[in-house]
PDB file of N, CA and C in Angstrom:
ATOM      1  N   UNK A   1      -2.004 177.065 111.700  1.00  0.00           N
ATOM      2  CA  UNK A   1      -2.127 175.681 112.105  1.00  0.00           C
ATOM      3  C   UNK A   1      -2.486 175.641 113.596  1.00  0.00           C
ATOM      4  N   UNK A   2      -3.480 174.851 113.936  1.00  0.00           N
ATOM      5  CA  UNK A   2      -3.920 174.749 115.327  1.00  0.00           C
ATOM      6  C   UNK A   2      -2.861 174.078 116.197  1.00  0.00           C
ATOM      7  N   UNK A   3      -2.777 174.513 117.446  1.00  0.00           N
ATOM      8  CA  UNK A   3      -1.898 173.792 118.364  1.00  0.00           C
ATOM      9  C   UNK A   3      -2.624 172.513 118.806  1.00  0.00           C
ATOM     10  N   UNK A   4      -1.935 171.664 119.531  1.00  0.00           N
ATOM     11  CA  UNK A   4      -2.499 170.356 119.876  1.00  0.00           C
ATOM     12  C   UNK A   4      -3.751 170.467 120.737  1.00  0.00           C
ATOM     13  N   UNK A   5      -3.775 171.397 121.684  1.00  0.00           N
ATOM     14  CA  UNK A   5      -4.957 171.560 122.537  1.00  0.00           C
ATOM     15  C   UNK A   5      -6.163 172.034 121.736  1.00  0.00           C
ATOM     16  N   UNK A   6      -5.961 172.982 120.831  1.00  0.00           N
ATOM     17  CA  UNK A   6      -7.055 173.470 119.986  1.00  0.00           C
ATOM     18  C   UNK A   6      -7.558 172.351 119.075  1.00  0.00           C
ATOM     19  N   UNK A   7      -6.628 171.613 118.480  1.00  0.00           N
ATOM     20  CA  UNK A   7      -6.995 170.498 117.606  1.00  0.00           C
ATOM     21  C   UNK A   7      -7.811 169.458 118.378  1.00  0.00           C
ATOM     22  N   UNK A   8      -7.362 169.123 119.582  1.00  0.00           N
ATOM     23  CA  UNK A   8      -8.093 168.149 120.402  1.00  0.00           C
ATOM     24  C   UNK A   8      -9.495 168.649 120.727  1.00  0.00           C
ATOM     25  N   UNK A   9      -9.626 169.933 121.027  1.00  0.00           N
ATOM     26  CA  UNK A   9     -10.937 170.502 121.355  1.00  0.00           C
ATOM     27  C   UNK A   9     -11.866 170.445 120.148  1.00  0.00           C
ATOM     28  N   UNK A  10     -11.358 170.820 118.983  1.00  0.00           N
ATOM     29  CA  UNK A  10     -12.189 170.813 117.772  1.00  0.00           C
ATOM     30  C   UNK A  10     -12.606 169.391 117.426  1.00  0.00           C
ATOM     31  N   UNK A  11     -11.679 168.462 117.409  1.00  0.00           N
ATOM     32  CA  UNK A  11     -12.031 167.087 117.034  1.00  0.00           C
ATOM     33  C   UNK A  11     -12.948 166.437 118.068  1.00  0.00           C
ATOM     34  N   UNK A  12     -12.781 166.797 119.333  1.00  0.00           N
ATOM     35  CA  UNK A  12     -13.694 166.281 120.362  1.00  0.00           C
ATOM     36  C   UNK A  12     -15.101 166.822 120.155  1.00  0.00           C
ATOM     37  N   UNK A  13     -15.198 168.095 119.806  1.00  0.00           N
ATOM     38  CA  UNK A  13     -16.509 168.685 119.555  1.00  0.00           C
ATOM     39  C   UNK A  13     -17.142 168.100 118.294  1.00  0.00           C
ATOM     40  N   UNK A  14     -16.334 167.809 117.291  1.00  0.00           N
ATOM     41  CA  UNK A  14     -16.840 167.133 116.086  1.00  0.00           C
ATOM     42  C   UNK A  14     -17.452 165.790 116.483  1.00  0.00           C
ATOM     43  N   UNK A  15     -16.738 165.035 117.300  1.00  0.00           N
ATOM     44  CA  UNK A  15     -17.236 163.729 117.740  1.00  0.00           C
ATOM     45  C   UNK A  15     -18.528 163.871 118.540  1.00  0.00           C
ATOM     46  N   UNK A  16     -18.585 164.869 119.421  1.00  0.00           N
ATOM     47  CA  UNK A  16     -19.785 165.083 120.220  1.00  0.00           C
ATOM     48  C   UNK A  16     -20.976 165.468 119.346  1.00  0.00           C
ATOM     49  N   UNK A  17     -20.763 166.386 118.404  1.00  0.00           N
ATOM     50  CA  UNK A  17     -21.852 166.819 117.512  1.00  0.00           C
ATOM     51  C   UNK A  17     -22.358 165.633 116.696  1.00  0.00           C
ATOM     52  N   UNK A  18     -21.444 164.821 116.197  1.00  0.00           N
ATOM     53  CA  UNK A  18     -21.839 163.639 115.430  1.00  0.00           C
ATOM     54  C   UNK A  18     -22.670 162.697 116.298  1.00  0.00           C
ATOM     55  N   UNK A  19     -22.219 162.458 117.510  1.00  0.00           N
ATOM     56  CA  UNK A  19     -22.951 161.575 118.426  1.00  0.00           C
ATOM     57  C   UNK A  19     -24.322 162.155 118.769  1.00  0.00           C
ATOM     58  N   UNK A  20     -24.353 163.424 119.126  1.00  0.00           N
ATOM     59  CA  UNK A  20     -25.599 164.054 119.569  1.00  0.00           C
ATOM     60  C   UNK A  20     -26.642 164.116 118.467  1.00  0.00           C
ATOM     61  N   UNK A  21     -26.184 164.208 117.216  1.00  0.00           N
ATOM     62  CA  UNK A  21     -27.123 164.314 116.101  1.00  0.00           C
ATOM     63  C   UNK A  21     -27.251 163.000 115.324  1.00  0.00           C
ATOM     64  N   UNK A  22     -26.657 161.937 115.877  1.00  0.00           N
ATOM     65  CA  UNK A  22     -26.716 160.631 115.239  1.00  0.00           C
ATOM     66  C   UNK A  22     -26.249 160.706 113.784  1.00  0.00           C
ATOM     67  N   UNK A  23     -25.095 161.360 113.606  1.00  0.00           N
ATOM     68  CA  UNK A  23     -24.524 161.556 112.274  1.00  0.00           C
ATOM     69  C   UNK A  23     -23.188 160.838 112.184  1.00  0.00           C
ATOM     70  N   UNK A  24     -22.786 160.592 110.960  1.00  0.00           N
ATOM     71  CA  UNK A  24     -21.457 160.058 110.702  1.00  0.00           C
ATOM     72  C   UNK A  24     -20.450 161.181 110.948  1.00  0.00           C
ATOM     73  N   UNK A  25     -19.415 160.901 111.711  1.00  0.00           N
ATOM     74  CA  UNK A  25     -18.400 161.910 112.023  1.00  0.00           C
ATOM     75  C   UNK A  25     -17.747 162.469 110.759  1.00  0.00           C
ATOM     76  N   UNK A  26     -17.611 161.647 109.745  1.00  0.00           N
ATOM     77  CA  UNK A  26     -16.997 162.102 108.491  1.00  0.00           C
ATOM     78  C   UNK A  26     -17.823 163.205 107.823  1.00  0.00           C
ATOM     79  N   UNK A  27     -19.129 163.161 107.983  1.00  0.00           N
ATOM     80  CA  UNK A  27     -19.980 164.214 107.406  1.00  0.00           C
ATOM     81  C   UNK A  27     -19.764 165.537 108.128  1.00  0.00           C
ATOM     82  N   UNK A  28     -19.549 165.481 109.432  1.00  0.00           N
ATOM     83  CA  UNK A  28     -19.260 166.692 110.193  1.00  0.00           C
ATOM     84  C   UNK A  28     -17.903 167.243 109.757  1.00  0.00           C
ATOM     85  N   UNK A  29     -16.914 166.352 109.617  1.00  0.00           N
ATOM     86  CA  UNK A  29     -15.585 166.760 109.133  1.00  0.00           C
ATOM     87  C   UNK A  29     -15.697 167.417 107.764  1.00  0.00           C
ATOM     88  N   UNK A  30     -16.456 166.818 106.867  1.00  0.00           N
ATOM     89  CA  UNK A  30     -16.594 167.348 105.510  1.00  0.00           C
ATOM     90  C   UNK A  30     -17.234 168.733 105.516  1.00  0.00           C
ATOM     91  N   UNK A  31     -18.277 168.909 106.315  1.00  0.00           N
ATOM     92  CA  UNK A  31     -18.932 170.217 106.409  1.00  0.00           C
ATOM     93  C   UNK A  31     -17.956 171.248 106.965  1.00  0.00           C
ATOM     94  N   UNK A  32     -17.222 170.874 107.992  1.00  0.00           N
ATOM     95  CA  UNK A  32     -16.248 171.772 108.608  1.00  0.00           C
ATOM     96  C   UNK A  32     -15.194 172.200 107.592  1.00  0.00           C
ATOM     97  N   UNK A  33     -14.603 171.221 106.916  1.00  0.00           N
ATOM     98  CA  UNK A  33     -13.541 171.519 105.947  1.00  0.00           C
ATOM     99  C   UNK A  33     -14.053 172.372 104.801  1.00  0.00           C
ATOM    100  N   UNK A  34     -15.275 172.131 104.387  1.00  0.00           N
ATOM    101  CA  UNK A  34     -15.854 172.915 103.307  1.00  0.00           C
ATOM    102  C   UNK A  34     -16.092 174.364 103.725  1.00  0.00           C
ATOM    103  N   UNK A  35     -16.663 174.569 104.888  1.00  0.00           N
ATOM    104  CA  UNK A  35     -16.969 175.916 105.370  1.00  0.00           C
ATOM    105  C   UNK A  35     -15.686 176.724 105.595  1.00  0.00           C
ATOM    106  N   UNK A  36     -14.667 176.090 106.140  1.00  0.00           N
ATOM    107  CA  UNK A  36     -13.444 176.819 106.473  1.00  0.00           C
ATOM    108  C   UNK A  36     -12.366 176.729 105.387  1.00  0.00           C
ATOM    109  N   UNK A  37     -12.632 175.989 104.331  1.00  0.00           N
ATOM    110  CA  UNK A  37     -11.704 175.933 103.202  1.00  0.00           C
ATOM    111  C   UNK A  37     -10.353 175.328 103.540  1.00  0.00           C
ATOM    112  N   UNK A  38     -10.372 174.298 104.372  1.00  0.00           N
ATOM    113  CA  UNK A  38      -9.127 173.617 104.733  1.00  0.00           C
ATOM    114  C   UNK A  38      -9.219 172.149 104.325  1.00  0.00           C
ATOM    115  N   UNK A  39      -8.067 171.566 104.017  1.00  0.00           N
ATOM    116  CA  UNK A  39      -8.029 170.156 103.649  1.00  0.00           C
ATOM    117  C   UNK A  39      -8.028 169.259 104.881  1.00  0.00           C
ATOM    118  N   UNK A  40      -7.620 169.820 106.020  1.00  0.00           N
ATOM    119  CA  UNK A  40      -7.541 169.069 107.262  1.00  0.00           C
ATOM    120  C   UNK A  40      -7.836 170.024 108.419  1.00  0.00           C
ATOM    121  N   UNK A  41      -8.487 169.550 109.440  1.00  0.00           N
ATOM    122  CA  UNK A  41      -8.830 170.399 110.579  1.00  0.00           C
ATOM    123  C   UNK A  41      -7.579 171.019 111.198  1.00  0.00           C
ATOM    124  N   UNK A  42      -6.498 170.266 111.271  1.00  0.00           N
ATOM    125  CA  UNK A  42      -5.250 170.754 111.859  1.00  0.00           C
ATOM    126  C   UNK A  42      -4.737 172.006 111.130  1.00  0.00           C
ATOM    127  N   UNK A  43      -5.086 172.156 109.840  1.00  0.00           N
ATOM    128  CA  UNK A  43      -4.612 173.279 109.030  1.00  0.00           C
ATOM    129  C   UNK A  43      -5.396 174.570 109.271  1.00  0.00           C
ATOM    130  N   UNK A  44      -6.425 174.515 110.103  1.00  0.00           N
ATOM    131  CA  UNK A  44      -7.220 175.713 110.385  1.00  0.00           C
ATOM    132  C   UNK A  44      -6.332 176.778 111.029  1.00  0.00           C
ATOM    133  N   UNK A  45      -6.392 178.014 110.530  1.00  0.00           N
ATOM    134  CA  UNK A  45      -5.609 179.087 111.168  1.00  0.00           C
ATOM    135  C   UNK A  45      -6.109 179.326 112.589  1.00  0.00           C
ATOM    136  N   UNK A  46      -5.200 179.515 113.535  1.00  0.00           N
ATOM    137  CA  UNK A  46      -5.601 179.741 114.931  1.00  0.00           C
ATOM    138  C   UNK A  46      -6.572 180.907 115.100  1.00  0.00           C
ATOM    139  N   UNK A  47      -6.494 181.889 114.243  1.00  0.00           N
ATOM    140  CA  UNK A  47      -7.395 183.042 114.336  1.00  0.00           C
ATOM    141  C   UNK A  47      -8.852 182.638 114.104  1.00  0.00           C
ATOM    142  N   UNK A  48      -9.088 181.483 113.489  1.00  0.00           N
ATOM    143  CA  UNK A  48     -10.444 181.022 113.212  1.00  0.00           C
ATOM    144  C   UNK A  48     -10.944 179.995 114.229  1.00  0.00           C
ATOM    145  N   UNK A  49     -10.147 179.733 115.256  1.00  0.00           N
ATOM    146  CA  UNK A  49     -10.513 178.719 116.247  1.00  0.00           C
ATOM    147  C   UNK A  49     -11.861 179.015 116.908  1.00  0.00           C
ATOM    148  N   UNK A  50     -12.046 180.235 117.401  1.00  0.00           N
ATOM    149  CA  UNK A  50     -13.309 180.578 118.072  1.00  0.00           C
ATOM    150  C   UNK A  50     -14.490 180.459 117.123  1.00  0.00           C
ATOM    151  N   UNK A  51     -14.308 180.926 115.903  1.00  0.00           N
ATOM    152  CA  UNK A  51     -15.375 180.830 114.894  1.00  0.00           C
ATOM    153  C   UNK A  51     -15.701 179.367 114.594  1.00  0.00           C
ATOM    154  N   UNK A  52     -14.676 178.540 114.525  1.00  0.00           N
ATOM    155  CA  UNK A  52     -14.873 177.114 114.251  1.00  0.00           C
ATOM    156  C   UNK A  52     -15.656 176.440 115.368  1.00  0.00           C
ATOM    157  N   UNK A  53     -15.336 176.786 116.608  1.00  0.00           N
ATOM    158  CA  UNK A  53     -16.056 176.204 117.737  1.00  0.00           C
ATOM    159  C   UNK A  53     -17.518 176.646 117.720  1.00  0.00           C
ATOM    160  N   UNK A  54     -17.766 177.926 117.429  1.00  0.00           N
ATOM    161  CA  UNK A  54     -19.155 178.406 117.332  1.00  0.00           C
ATOM    162  C   UNK A  54     -19.888 177.698 116.203  1.00  0.00           C
ATOM    163  N   UNK A  55     -19.214 177.504 115.065  1.00  0.00           N
ATOM    164  CA  UNK A  55     -19.826 176.802 113.933  1.00  0.00           C
ATOM    165  C   UNK A  55     -20.277 175.410 114.364  1.00  0.00           C
ATOM    166  N   UNK A  56     -19.405 174.687 115.036  1.00  0.00           N
ATOM    167  CA  UNK A  56     -19.747 173.333 115.451  1.00  0.00           C
ATOM    168  C   UNK A  56     -20.869 173.317 116.482  1.00  0.00           C
ATOM    169  N   UNK A  57     -20.843 174.260 117.406  1.00  0.00           N
ATOM    170  CA  UNK A  57     -21.903 174.324 118.415  1.00  0.00           C
ATOM    171  C   UNK A  57     -23.257 174.655 117.805  1.00  0.00           C
ATOM    172  N   UNK A  58     -23.263 175.439 116.742  1.00  0.00           N
ATOM    173  CA  UNK A  58     -24.504 175.849 116.091  1.00  0.00           C
ATOM    174  C   UNK A  58     -24.947 174.917 114.965  1.00  0.00           C
ATOM    175  N   UNK A  59     -24.081 173.980 114.570  1.00  0.00           N
ATOM    176  CA  UNK A  59     -24.366 173.103 113.435  1.00  0.00           C
ATOM    177  C   UNK A  59     -25.558 172.211 113.701  1.00  0.00           C
ATOM    178  N   UNK A  60     -26.511 172.221 112.787  1.00  0.00           N
ATOM    179  CA  UNK A  60     -27.695 171.364 112.892  1.00  0.00           C
ATOM    180  C   UNK A  60     -27.911 170.675 111.556  1.00  0.00           C
ATOM    181  N   UNK A  61     -28.002 169.358 111.598  1.00  0.00           N
ATOM    182  CA  UNK A  61     -28.270 168.586 110.402  1.00  0.00           C
ATOM    183  C   UNK A  61     -29.712 168.122 110.362  1.00  0.00           C
ATOM    184  N   UNK A  62     -30.585 168.732 111.183  1.00  0.00           N
ATOM    185  CA  UNK A  62     -32.000 168.370 111.182  1.00  0.00           C
ATOM    186  C   UNK A  62     -32.584 168.542 109.791  1.00  0.00           C
ATOM    187  N   UNK A  63     -33.241 167.534 109.302  1.00  0.00           N
ATOM    188  CA  UNK A  63     -33.890 167.627 108.005  1.00  0.00           C
ATOM    189  C   UNK A  63     -32.981 167.334 106.822  1.00  0.00           C
ATOM    190  N   UNK A  64     -31.690 167.094 107.098  1.00  0.00           N
ATOM    191  CA  UNK A  64     -30.756 166.769 106.030  1.00  0.00           C
ATOM    192  C   UNK A  64     -30.692 165.253 105.925  1.00  0.00           C
ATOM    193  N   UNK A  65     -30.754 164.759 104.724  1.00  0.00           N
ATOM    194  CA  UNK A  65     -30.705 163.308 104.523  1.00  0.00           C
ATOM    195  C   UNK A  65     -29.277 162.812 104.723  1.00  0.00           C
ATOM    196  N   UNK A  66     -29.118 161.752 105.498  1.00  0.00           N
ATOM    197  CA  UNK A  66     -27.783 161.171 105.734  1.00  0.00           C
ATOM    198  C   UNK A  66     -27.321 160.518 104.473  1.00  0.00           C
TER     199      UNK A  66
END
Protein backbone atom coordinates (compact mmCIF):
# COMPACT_ATOMS: atom_id res chain seq x y z
CA UNK A 1 0.00 0.00 0.00
CA UNK A 2 1.40 3.40 -0.97
CA UNK A 3 2.17 5.93 1.72
CA UNK A 4 0.41 9.29 1.55
CA UNK A 5 3.26 11.10 -0.24
CA UNK A 6 3.54 8.39 -2.91
CA UNK A 7 -0.25 8.34 -3.35
CA UNK A 8 -0.32 12.13 -3.73
CA UNK A 9 2.48 12.00 -6.31
CA UNK A 10 0.77 9.30 -8.37
CA UNK A 11 -2.65 10.95 -8.32
CA UNK A 12 -1.11 14.33 -9.15
CA UNK A 13 0.68 12.81 -12.11
CA UNK A 14 -2.56 11.14 -13.22
CA UNK A 15 -4.24 14.55 -13.16
CA UNK A 16 -1.37 16.15 -15.08
CA UNK A 17 -1.33 13.41 -17.75
CA UNK A 18 -5.09 13.73 -18.17
CA UNK A 19 -4.82 17.51 -18.52
CA UNK A 20 -1.83 17.41 -20.87
CA UNK A 21 -3.48 14.88 -23.16
CA UNK A 22 -6.97 16.36 -22.91
CA UNK A 23 -8.27 13.08 -21.49
CA UNK A 24 -10.79 12.17 -18.85
CA UNK A 25 -8.92 11.47 -15.60
CA UNK A 26 -11.04 8.35 -15.06
CA UNK A 27 -9.62 6.83 -18.25
CA UNK A 28 -6.09 7.33 -16.95
CA UNK A 29 -7.13 5.75 -13.62
CA UNK A 30 -8.68 2.80 -15.46
CA UNK A 31 -5.57 2.22 -17.57
CA UNK A 32 -3.37 2.44 -14.48
CA UNK A 33 -5.49 0.01 -12.46
CA UNK A 34 -5.65 -2.41 -15.36
CA UNK A 35 -1.90 -2.42 -16.01
CA UNK A 36 -0.98 -2.81 -12.34
CA UNK A 37 -3.84 -5.14 -11.40
CA UNK A 38 -5.11 -3.06 -8.49
CA UNK A 39 -8.65 -2.02 -7.62
CA UNK A 40 -7.43 1.33 -6.28
CA UNK A 41 -4.25 3.34 -6.78
CA UNK A 42 -3.67 3.41 -3.01
CA UNK A 43 -3.41 -0.43 -3.09
CA UNK A 44 -0.34 -0.34 -5.35
CA UNK A 45 2.60 -2.10 -3.66
CA UNK A 46 5.35 0.41 -2.79
CA UNK A 47 7.85 -1.70 -4.73
CA UNK A 48 5.97 -0.74 -7.92
CA UNK A 49 5.94 3.00 -7.24
CA UNK A 50 8.86 3.84 -9.56
CA UNK A 51 7.45 1.64 -12.32
CA UNK A 52 4.04 3.29 -11.91
CA UNK A 53 5.53 6.77 -12.23
CA UNK A 54 7.44 5.73 -15.38
CA UNK A 55 4.24 4.21 -16.80
CA UNK A 56 2.37 7.47 -16.30
CA UNK A 57 5.19 9.58 -17.72
CA UNK A 58 5.36 7.37 -20.82
CA UNK A 59 1.59 6.96 -21.26
CA UNK A 60 0.31 8.25 -24.59
CA UNK A 61 -3.30 8.12 -25.69
CA UNK A 62 -2.54 9.59 -29.13
CA UNK A 63 -4.77 7.96 -31.69
CA UNK A 64 -7.02 6.34 -29.10
CA UNK A 65 -10.67 7.26 -29.34
CA UNK A 66 -12.03 8.91 -26.18
